[in-house]
Amino acid sequence: MLSARQPPRSFLATLHQAAIHADDRPGHGRALHHEEIRRGWQEGVRVRARELDGTLPWAREALAALAGEQVPIEEERVFALWEQAGLLSRLRNRGGCARASVTTGPRSVDSHPALLDELIELGIATRRTSGLIDLPDLYRFLHGLGRRGGVKHVAHTA
């Protein structure tokens, strides 16, 4: 669940939230209980969601179009979902290209492969050796995607 790919602020939010509840399990022999880390991770996801919304709203839109799918996913399926959502048109209408001084849009809104390549460069998506597209758990969870063969997520309430 904790990963080297998790951005620093969300990683620290995860640990902070887990540490707040460290005293809730006095008989536990470790500094942090795995359930508290899991709950903390959910807070880390919320922190990352706010960051992504502020710095890369186009990436949030691209991932939101994949909601309900499972990863790893075929590239063609990603492109079909983006086409169905009208992602390129929405980004073009918004003036969605990043310029030297503006970082809120993708570099290109000319093709789905260019958008995917940029998500991969940003570490938001990865391409497996099989060619399938995958997402780190942080982004997968954030946008409601499942994992093939994975364990279903159970939400915890704080």
N, C-alpha and C. Protein backbone atom coordinates (compact mmCIF):
# COMPACT_ATOMS: atom_id res chain seq x y z
N MET A 1 0.83 -1.18 0.00
CA MET A 1 0.00 0.00 0.00
C MET A 1 0.88 1.25 0.00
N LEU A 2 1.84 1.37 0.92
CA LEU A 2 2.77 2.48 0.87
C LEU A 2 3.75 2.19 -0.24
N SER A 3 4.10 3.21 -0.99
CA SER A 3 4.92 2.97 -2.16
C SER A 3 5.89 4.11 -2.37
N ALA A 4 7.01 3.78 -3.00
CA ALA A 4 7.99 4.80 -3.33
C ALA A 4 7.43 5.78 -4.36
N ARG A 5 6.39 5.37 -5.07
CA ARG A 5 5.79 6.24 -6.08
C ARG A 5 4.77 7.19 -5.48
N GLN A 6 4.43 7.01 -4.22
CA GLN A 6 3.45 7.90 -3.59
C GLN A 6 4.13 9.25 -3.36
N PRO A 7 3.53 10.34 -3.82
CA PRO A 7 4.13 11.66 -3.65
C PRO A 7 4.37 11.99 -2.18
N PRO A 8 5.41 12.80 -1.88
CA PRO A 8 5.80 13.07 -0.50
C PRO A 8 4.69 13.58 0.41
N ARG A 9 3.88 14.57 -0.03
CA ARG A 9 2.84 15.10 0.85
C ARG A 9 1.81 14.05 1.20
N SER A 10 1.41 13.24 0.23
CA SER A 10 0.41 12.23 0.53
C SER A 10 1.02 11.11 1.38
N PHE A 11 2.29 10.81 1.18
CA PHE A 11 2.97 9.82 2.02
C PHE A 11 3.04 10.30 3.46
N LEU A 12 3.39 11.57 3.64
CA LEU A 12 3.46 12.13 5.00
C LEU A 12 2.06 12.20 5.63
N ALA A 13 1.05 12.50 4.84
CA ALA A 13 -0.32 12.51 5.36
C ALA A 13 -0.72 11.11 5.81
N THR A 14 -0.30 10.11 5.06
CA THR A 14 -0.57 8.71 5.43
C THR A 14 0.04 8.40 6.79
N LEU A 15 1.32 8.70 6.94
CA LEU A 15 2.00 8.41 8.22
C LEU A 15 1.43 9.24 9.36
N HIS A 16 1.13 10.50 9.10
CA HIS A 16 0.58 11.36 10.15
C HIS A 16 -0.75 10.82 10.65
N GLN A 17 -1.63 10.48 9.73
CA GLN A 17 -2.94 9.96 10.11
C GLN A 17 -2.80 8.65 10.89
N ALA A 18 -1.88 7.78 10.46
CA ALA A 18 -1.66 6.51 11.16
C ALA A 18 -1.10 6.76 12.56
N ALA A 19 -0.20 7.73 12.68
CA ALA A 19 0.41 8.02 13.98
C ALA A 19 -0.59 8.60 14.96
N ILE A 20 -1.56 9.36 14.48
CA ILE A 20 -2.58 9.95 15.35
C ILE A 20 -3.29 8.85 16.13
N HIS A 21 -3.50 7.71 15.49
CA HIS A 21 -4.25 6.62 16.10
C HIS A 21 -3.34 5.51 16.65
N ALA A 22 -2.04 5.77 16.75
CA ALA A 22 -1.11 4.75 17.21
C ALA A 22 -1.43 4.28 18.63
N ASP A 23 -1.94 5.16 19.47
CA ASP A 23 -2.24 4.80 20.86
C ASP A 23 -3.56 4.02 20.98
N ASP A 24 -4.30 3.90 19.88
CA ASP A 24 -5.58 3.19 19.92
C ASP A 24 -5.40 1.68 20.12
N ARG A 25 -4.19 1.19 19.92
CA ARG A 25 -3.91 -0.25 20.04
C ARG A 25 -2.70 -0.45 20.96
N PRO A 26 -2.88 -0.24 22.25
CA PRO A 26 -1.75 -0.26 23.19
C PRO A 26 -1.03 -1.60 23.28
N GLY A 27 -1.70 -2.72 23.02
CA GLY A 27 -1.05 -4.02 23.12
C GLY A 27 -0.27 -4.41 21.88
N HIS A 28 -0.34 -3.59 20.84
CA HIS A 28 0.34 -3.90 19.59
C HIS A 28 1.83 -3.64 19.75
N GLY A 29 2.64 -4.53 19.27
CA GLY A 29 4.09 -4.45 19.47
C GLY A 29 4.84 -3.59 18.48
N ARG A 30 4.18 -2.90 17.61
CA ARG A 30 4.83 -2.07 16.60
C ARG A 30 4.39 -0.61 16.77
N ALA A 31 5.17 0.28 16.20
CA ALA A 31 4.84 1.71 16.31
C ALA A 31 3.52 2.03 15.63
N LEU A 32 3.27 1.41 14.47
CA LEU A 32 2.03 1.66 13.73
C LEU A 32 1.37 0.33 13.40
N HIS A 33 0.08 0.26 13.59
CA HIS A 33 -0.69 -0.93 13.26
C HIS A 33 -1.07 -0.87 11.78
N HIS A 34 -1.09 -2.01 11.11
CA HIS A 34 -1.38 -2.02 9.68
C HIS A 34 -2.75 -1.44 9.34
N GLU A 35 -3.72 -1.59 10.22
CA GLU A 35 -5.05 -1.02 9.96
C GLU A 35 -5.00 0.51 10.00
N GLU A 36 -4.18 1.06 10.88
CA GLU A 36 -4.05 2.52 10.96
C GLU A 36 -3.30 3.05 9.75
N ILE A 37 -2.34 2.29 9.24
CA ILE A 37 -1.66 2.70 8.01
C ILE A 37 -2.64 2.68 6.86
N ARG A 38 -3.50 1.68 6.81
CA ARG A 38 -4.51 1.60 5.75
C ARG A 38 -5.45 2.82 5.81
N ARG A 39 -5.89 3.16 7.00
CA ARG A 39 -6.75 4.34 7.15
C ARG A 39 -6.00 5.61 6.78
N GLY A 40 -4.75 5.67 7.20
CA GLY A 40 -3.93 6.83 6.87
C GLY A 40 -3.73 6.97 5.38
N TRP A 41 -3.61 5.83 4.69
CA TRP A 41 -3.43 5.85 3.24
C TRP A 41 -4.62 6.51 2.56
N GLN A 42 -5.80 6.29 3.10
CA GLN A 42 -6.99 6.93 2.52
C GLN A 42 -6.89 8.45 2.64
N GLU A 43 -6.33 8.94 3.74
CA GLU A 43 -6.12 10.38 3.87
C GLU A 43 -5.06 10.84 2.87
N GLY A 44 -4.02 10.04 2.68
CA GLY A 44 -3.00 10.36 1.69
C GLY A 44 -3.59 10.46 0.29
N VAL A 45 -4.53 9.61 -0.02
CA VAL A 45 -5.21 9.65 -1.32
C VAL A 45 -5.98 10.96 -1.46
N ARG A 46 -6.65 11.39 -0.41
CA ARG A 46 -7.39 12.65 -0.48
C ARG A 46 -6.44 13.84 -0.70
N VAL A 47 -5.28 13.80 -0.04
CA VAL A 47 -4.28 14.86 -0.24
C VAL A 47 -3.82 14.88 -1.69
N ARG A 48 -3.53 13.70 -2.24
CA ARG A 48 -3.07 13.62 -3.62
C ARG A 48 -4.16 14.06 -4.59
N ALA A 49 -5.41 13.77 -4.27
CA ALA A 49 -6.52 14.19 -5.14
C ALA A 49 -6.56 15.71 -5.23
N ARG A 50 -6.39 16.38 -4.10
CA ARG A 50 -6.38 17.85 -4.11
C ARG A 50 -5.20 18.38 -4.93
N GLU A 51 -4.03 17.75 -4.78
CA GLU A 51 -2.86 18.17 -5.55
C GLU A 51 -3.10 17.99 -7.05
N LEU A 52 -3.62 16.83 -7.42
CA LEU A 52 -3.85 16.53 -8.83
C LEU A 52 -4.88 17.48 -9.42
N ASP A 53 -5.93 17.78 -8.66
CA ASP A 53 -6.95 18.71 -9.14
C ASP A 53 -6.36 20.09 -9.39
N GLY A 54 -5.43 20.49 -8.54
CA GLY A 54 -4.85 21.83 -8.67
C GLY A 54 -3.78 21.94 -9.74
N THR A 55 -2.98 20.91 -9.91
CA THR A 55 -1.85 21.01 -10.82
C THR A 55 -2.08 20.36 -12.18
N LEU A 56 -2.86 19.28 -12.21
CA LEU A 56 -3.09 18.55 -13.46
C LEU A 56 -4.56 18.18 -13.62
N PRO A 57 -5.43 19.16 -13.74
CA PRO A 57 -6.85 18.81 -13.85
C PRO A 57 -7.16 17.96 -15.07
N TRP A 58 -6.39 18.10 -16.12
CA TRP A 58 -6.61 17.27 -17.31
C TRP A 58 -6.33 15.80 -17.02
N ALA A 59 -5.33 15.52 -16.17
CA ALA A 59 -5.00 14.13 -15.82
C ALA A 59 -6.14 13.52 -15.01
N ARG A 60 -6.71 14.31 -14.11
CA ARG A 60 -7.86 13.84 -13.34
C ARG A 60 -9.00 13.50 -14.28
N GLU A 61 -9.24 14.35 -15.28
CA GLU A 61 -10.30 14.08 -16.25
C GLU A 61 -10.02 12.80 -17.04
N ALA A 62 -8.78 12.62 -17.43
CA ALA A 62 -8.41 11.43 -18.21
C ALA A 62 -8.63 10.16 -17.40
N LEU A 63 -8.26 10.19 -16.13
CA LEU A 63 -8.44 9.01 -15.28
C LEU A 63 -9.90 8.81 -14.91
N ALA A 64 -10.63 9.89 -14.72
CA ALA A 64 -12.05 9.78 -14.38
C ALA A 64 -12.83 9.07 -15.48
N ALA A 65 -12.41 9.23 -16.72
CA ALA A 65 -13.08 8.57 -17.84
C ALA A 65 -12.91 7.05 -17.79
N LEU A 66 -11.97 6.58 -16.99
CA LEU A 66 -11.70 5.14 -16.88
C LEU A 66 -12.40 4.51 -15.67
N ALA A 67 -13.12 5.30 -14.89
CA ALA A 67 -13.76 4.81 -13.67
C ALA A 67 -14.58 3.55 -13.94
N GLY A 68 -14.47 2.60 -13.03
CA GLY A 68 -15.21 1.35 -13.14
C GLY A 68 -14.47 0.26 -13.90
N GLU A 69 -13.40 0.61 -14.58
CA GLU A 69 -12.60 -0.37 -15.33
C GLU A 69 -11.64 -1.07 -14.38
N GLN A 70 -10.94 -2.06 -14.91
CA GLN A 70 -9.92 -2.77 -14.14
C GLN A 70 -8.59 -2.65 -14.86
N VAL A 71 -7.54 -2.51 -14.08
CA VAL A 71 -6.19 -2.49 -14.64
C VAL A 71 -5.48 -3.77 -14.25
N PRO A 72 -4.51 -4.19 -15.03
CA PRO A 72 -4.05 -3.59 -16.27
C PRO A 72 -5.11 -3.65 -17.35
N ILE A 73 -5.06 -2.65 -18.24
CA ILE A 73 -6.08 -2.46 -19.27
C ILE A 73 -5.39 -2.27 -20.62
N GLU A 74 -6.05 -2.69 -21.66
CA GLU A 74 -5.50 -2.53 -23.00
C GLU A 74 -5.52 -1.06 -23.40
N GLU A 75 -4.46 -0.66 -24.08
CA GLU A 75 -4.35 0.71 -24.57
C GLU A 75 -5.57 1.11 -25.40
N GLU A 76 -6.01 0.21 -26.27
CA GLU A 76 -7.15 0.50 -27.15
C GLU A 76 -8.41 0.78 -26.34
N ARG A 77 -8.57 0.07 -25.23
CA ARG A 77 -9.73 0.29 -24.36
C ARG A 77 -9.67 1.68 -23.73
N VAL A 78 -8.48 2.08 -23.29
CA VAL A 78 -8.29 3.42 -22.73
C VAL A 78 -8.69 4.46 -23.77
N PHE A 79 -8.19 4.30 -24.99
CA PHE A 79 -8.48 5.27 -26.04
C PHE A 79 -9.98 5.30 -26.36
N ALA A 80 -10.62 4.14 -26.37
CA ALA A 80 -12.06 4.07 -26.65
C ALA A 80 -12.86 4.80 -25.56
N LEU A 81 -12.46 4.63 -24.30
CA LEU A 81 -13.16 5.31 -23.20
C LEU A 81 -12.95 6.81 -23.28
N TRP A 82 -11.73 7.22 -23.62
CA TRP A 82 -11.47 8.66 -23.77
C TRP A 82 -12.27 9.23 -24.93
N GLU A 83 -12.36 8.47 -26.01
CA GLU A 83 -13.15 8.92 -27.17
C GLU A 83 -14.61 9.07 -26.77
N GLN A 84 -15.12 8.08 -26.07
CA GLN A 84 -16.52 8.09 -25.62
C GLN A 84 -16.79 9.29 -24.71
N ALA A 85 -15.82 9.65 -23.89
CA ALA A 85 -15.97 10.78 -22.97
C ALA A 85 -15.71 12.12 -23.66
N GLY A 86 -15.24 12.09 -24.91
CA GLY A 86 -14.93 13.34 -25.61
C GLY A 86 -13.78 14.10 -24.98
N LEU A 87 -12.81 13.38 -24.44
CA LEU A 87 -11.73 14.00 -23.68
C LEU A 87 -10.93 15.00 -24.51
N LEU A 88 -10.50 14.64 -25.70
CA LEU A 88 -9.70 15.56 -26.52
C LEU A 88 -10.46 16.84 -26.82
N SER A 89 -11.73 16.72 -27.17
CA SER A 89 -12.55 17.90 -27.46
C SER A 89 -12.67 18.81 -26.25
N ARG A 90 -12.91 18.20 -25.09
CA ARG A 90 -13.05 19.01 -23.86
C ARG A 90 -11.74 19.73 -23.55
N LEU A 91 -10.62 19.04 -23.71
CA LEU A 91 -9.34 19.67 -23.43
C LEU A 91 -9.03 20.78 -24.44
N ARG A 92 -9.37 20.55 -25.70
CA ARG A 92 -9.16 21.59 -26.73
C ARG A 92 -10.03 22.81 -26.44
N ASN A 93 -11.28 22.58 -26.10
CA ASN A 93 -12.21 23.69 -25.83
C ASN A 93 -11.78 24.52 -24.63
N ARG A 94 -11.11 23.88 -23.72
CA ARG A 94 -10.64 24.58 -22.52
C ARG A 94 -9.31 25.27 -22.77
N GLY A 95 -8.75 25.08 -23.96
CA GLY A 95 -7.42 25.64 -24.23
C GLY A 95 -6.39 24.84 -23.46
N GLY A 96 -6.56 23.52 -23.46
CA GLY A 96 -5.84 22.64 -22.55
C GLY A 96 -4.41 22.31 -22.83
N CYS A 97 -3.67 23.04 -23.61
CA CYS A 97 -2.26 22.69 -23.83
C CYS A 97 -1.36 23.47 -22.88
N ALA A 98 -0.35 22.79 -22.38
CA ALA A 98 0.62 23.45 -21.51
C ALA A 98 1.58 24.26 -22.37
N ARG A 99 1.85 25.45 -21.95
CA ARG A 99 2.84 26.29 -22.60
C ARG A 99 4.04 26.36 -21.66
N ALA A 100 5.06 27.05 -22.04
CA ALA A 100 6.26 27.15 -21.20
C ALA A 100 5.94 27.67 -19.81
N SER A 101 5.01 28.62 -19.70
CA SER A 101 4.72 29.23 -18.41
C SER A 101 3.47 28.66 -17.74
N VAL A 102 2.74 27.79 -18.42
CA VAL A 102 1.49 27.26 -17.89
C VAL A 102 1.61 25.75 -17.79
N THR A 103 1.25 25.18 -16.65
CA THR A 103 1.41 23.73 -16.46
C THR A 103 0.10 23.02 -16.16
N THR A 104 -1.02 23.61 -16.56
CA THR A 104 -2.30 23.01 -16.21
C THR A 104 -2.89 22.14 -17.31
N GLY A 105 -2.24 22.09 -18.46
CA GLY A 105 -2.77 21.27 -19.54
C GLY A 105 -1.71 20.32 -20.07
N PRO A 106 -2.13 19.33 -20.83
CA PRO A 106 -1.15 18.44 -21.44
C PRO A 106 -0.38 19.17 -22.54
N ARG A 107 0.75 18.65 -22.92
CA ARG A 107 1.55 19.27 -23.99
C ARG A 107 0.84 19.22 -25.32
N SER A 108 0.05 18.16 -25.53
CA SER A 108 -0.64 17.99 -26.81
C SER A 108 -2.05 17.46 -26.57
N VAL A 109 -2.99 18.00 -27.32
CA VAL A 109 -4.35 17.46 -27.30
C VAL A 109 -4.72 16.95 -28.68
N ASP A 110 -3.69 16.53 -29.43
CA ASP A 110 -3.90 16.07 -30.79
C ASP A 110 -4.21 14.58 -30.89
N SER A 111 -3.80 13.81 -29.89
CA SER A 111 -4.04 12.36 -29.99
C SER A 111 -4.10 11.72 -28.61
N HIS A 112 -4.84 10.62 -28.56
CA HIS A 112 -4.91 9.85 -27.32
C HIS A 112 -3.54 9.26 -26.96
N PRO A 113 -2.77 8.72 -27.92
CA PRO A 113 -1.46 8.19 -27.56
C PRO A 113 -0.54 9.25 -26.93
N ALA A 114 -0.62 10.49 -27.40
CA ALA A 114 0.20 11.55 -26.81
C ALA A 114 -0.20 11.82 -25.36
N LEU A 115 -1.51 11.80 -25.09
CA LEU A 115 -1.97 11.99 -23.71
C LEU A 115 -1.49 10.85 -22.82
N LEU A 116 -1.61 9.63 -23.31
CA LEU A 116 -1.18 8.48 -22.53
C LEU A 116 0.32 8.54 -22.27
N ASP A 117 1.09 8.89 -23.28
CA ASP A 117 2.55 9.00 -23.10
C ASP A 117 2.89 10.03 -22.03
N GLU A 118 2.15 11.12 -21.98
CA GLU A 118 2.41 12.14 -20.96
C GLU A 118 2.05 11.63 -19.57
N LEU A 119 0.93 10.90 -19.45
CA LEU A 119 0.58 10.30 -18.15
C LEU A 119 1.67 9.34 -17.69
N ILE A 120 2.24 8.60 -18.62
CA ILE A 120 3.32 7.66 -18.28
C ILE A 120 4.56 8.42 -17.85
N GLU A 121 4.91 9.48 -18.58
CA GLU A 121 6.07 10.31 -18.20
C GLU A 121 5.90 10.91 -16.81
N LEU A 122 4.67 11.25 -16.45
CA LEU A 122 4.39 11.85 -15.14
C LEU A 122 4.35 10.82 -14.02
N GLY A 123 4.36 9.53 -14.37
CA GLY A 123 4.29 8.47 -13.36
C GLY A 123 2.88 8.18 -12.90
N ILE A 124 1.90 8.74 -13.59
CA ILE A 124 0.50 8.51 -13.23
C ILE A 124 0.02 7.19 -13.80
N ALA A 125 0.60 6.78 -14.92
CA ALA A 125 0.31 5.49 -15.53
C ALA A 125 1.63 4.82 -15.86
N THR A 126 1.58 3.51 -16.05
CA THR A 126 2.76 2.77 -16.47
C THR A 126 2.36 1.82 -17.60
N ARG A 127 3.33 1.49 -18.42
CA ARG A 127 3.10 0.52 -19.49
C ARG A 127 3.89 -0.73 -19.13
N ARG A 128 3.19 -1.84 -18.97
CA ARG A 128 3.85 -3.11 -18.66
C ARG A 128 4.55 -3.64 -19.90
N THR A 129 5.45 -4.60 -19.70
CA THR A 129 6.15 -5.19 -20.83
C THR A 129 5.18 -5.86 -21.80
N SER A 130 4.02 -6.27 -21.31
CA SER A 130 3.00 -6.87 -22.16
C SER A 130 2.28 -5.83 -23.01
N GLY A 131 2.52 -4.53 -22.75
CA GLY A 131 1.84 -3.46 -23.47
C GLY A 131 0.60 -2.96 -22.76
N LEU A 132 0.15 -3.68 -21.72
CA LEU A 132 -1.03 -3.24 -20.98
C LEU A 132 -0.70 -2.02 -20.13
N ILE A 133 -1.72 -1.20 -19.92
CA ILE A 133 -1.56 0.02 -19.12
C ILE A 133 -1.98 -0.27 -17.69
N ASP A 134 -1.17 0.21 -16.76
CA ASP A 134 -1.44 0.01 -15.34
C ASP A 134 -1.38 1.35 -14.64
N LEU A 135 -1.97 1.39 -13.46
CA LEU A 135 -1.92 2.59 -12.62
C LEU A 135 -1.42 2.20 -11.25
N PRO A 136 -0.57 3.03 -10.64
CA PRO A 136 -0.21 2.78 -9.25
C PRO A 136 -1.48 2.78 -8.39
N ASP A 137 -1.47 2.04 -7.30
CA ASP A 137 -2.65 1.91 -6.45
C ASP A 137 -3.23 3.26 -6.04
N LEU A 138 -2.38 4.22 -5.79
CA LEU A 138 -2.85 5.55 -5.38
C LEU A 138 -3.82 6.13 -6.39
N TYR A 139 -3.45 6.12 -7.66
CA TYR A 139 -4.31 6.70 -8.70
C TYR A 139 -5.49 5.79 -9.01
N ARG A 140 -5.26 4.49 -8.95
CA ARG A 140 -6.33 3.52 -9.19
C ARG A 140 -7.44 3.71 -8.17
N PHE A 141 -7.07 3.79 -6.92
CA PHE A 141 -8.03 3.98 -5.83
C PHE A 141 -8.73 5.33 -5.95
N LEU A 142 -7.97 6.35 -6.27
CA LEU A 142 -8.49 7.70 -6.38
C LEU A 142 -9.59 7.81 -7.42
N HIS A 143 -9.50 7.01 -8.47
CA HIS A 143 -10.46 7.13 -9.57
C HIS A 143 -11.36 5.92 -9.75
N GLY A 144 -11.45 5.09 -8.73
CA GLY A 144 -12.42 4.01 -8.74
C GLY A 144 -12.16 2.91 -9.76
N LEU A 145 -10.91 2.59 -9.98
CA LEU A 145 -10.57 1.49 -10.87
C LEU A 145 -10.23 0.26 -10.04
N GLY A 146 -10.57 -0.90 -10.56
CA GLY A 146 -10.25 -2.15 -9.89
C GLY A 146 -8.94 -2.72 -10.39
N ARG A 147 -8.49 -3.77 -9.74
CA ARG A 147 -7.29 -4.47 -10.19
C ARG A 147 -7.70 -5.89 -10.51
N ARG A 148 -7.34 -6.34 -11.70
CA ARG A 148 -7.63 -7.72 -12.09
C ARG A 148 -6.91 -8.67 -11.13
N GLY A 149 -7.68 -9.55 -10.53
CA GLY A 149 -7.09 -10.48 -9.59
C GLY A 149 -6.80 -9.87 -8.24
N GLY A 150 -7.17 -8.63 -8.03
CA GLY A 150 -6.89 -7.96 -6.77
C GLY A 150 -7.96 -8.18 -5.74
N VAL A 151 -7.70 -7.71 -4.55
CA VAL A 151 -8.65 -7.81 -3.45
C VAL A 151 -9.53 -6.58 -3.47
N LYS A 152 -10.84 -6.77 -3.35
CA LYS A 152 -11.77 -5.65 -3.39
C LYS A 152 -11.50 -4.72 -2.20
N HIS A 153 -11.52 -3.42 -2.48
CA HIS A 153 -11.27 -2.41 -1.45
C HIS A 153 -12.49 -2.28 -0.54
N VAL A 154 -12.21 -2.21 0.76
CA VAL A 154 -13.26 -1.98 1.74
C VAL A 154 -12.97 -0.64 2.38
N ALA A 155 -13.91 0.30 2.26
CA ALA A 155 -13.73 1.64 2.82
C ALA A 155 -13.85 1.58 4.34
N HIS A 156 -12.96 2.31 5.01
CA HIS A 156 -13.02 2.41 6.47
C HIS A 156 -13.51 3.80 6.82
N THR A 157 -14.25 3.91 7.86
CA THR A 157 -14.68 5.21 8.33
C THR A 157 -13.82 5.59 9.53
N ALA A 158 -13.49 6.85 9.58
CA ALA A 158 -12.61 7.32 10.66
C ALA A 158 -13.38 7.58 11.92
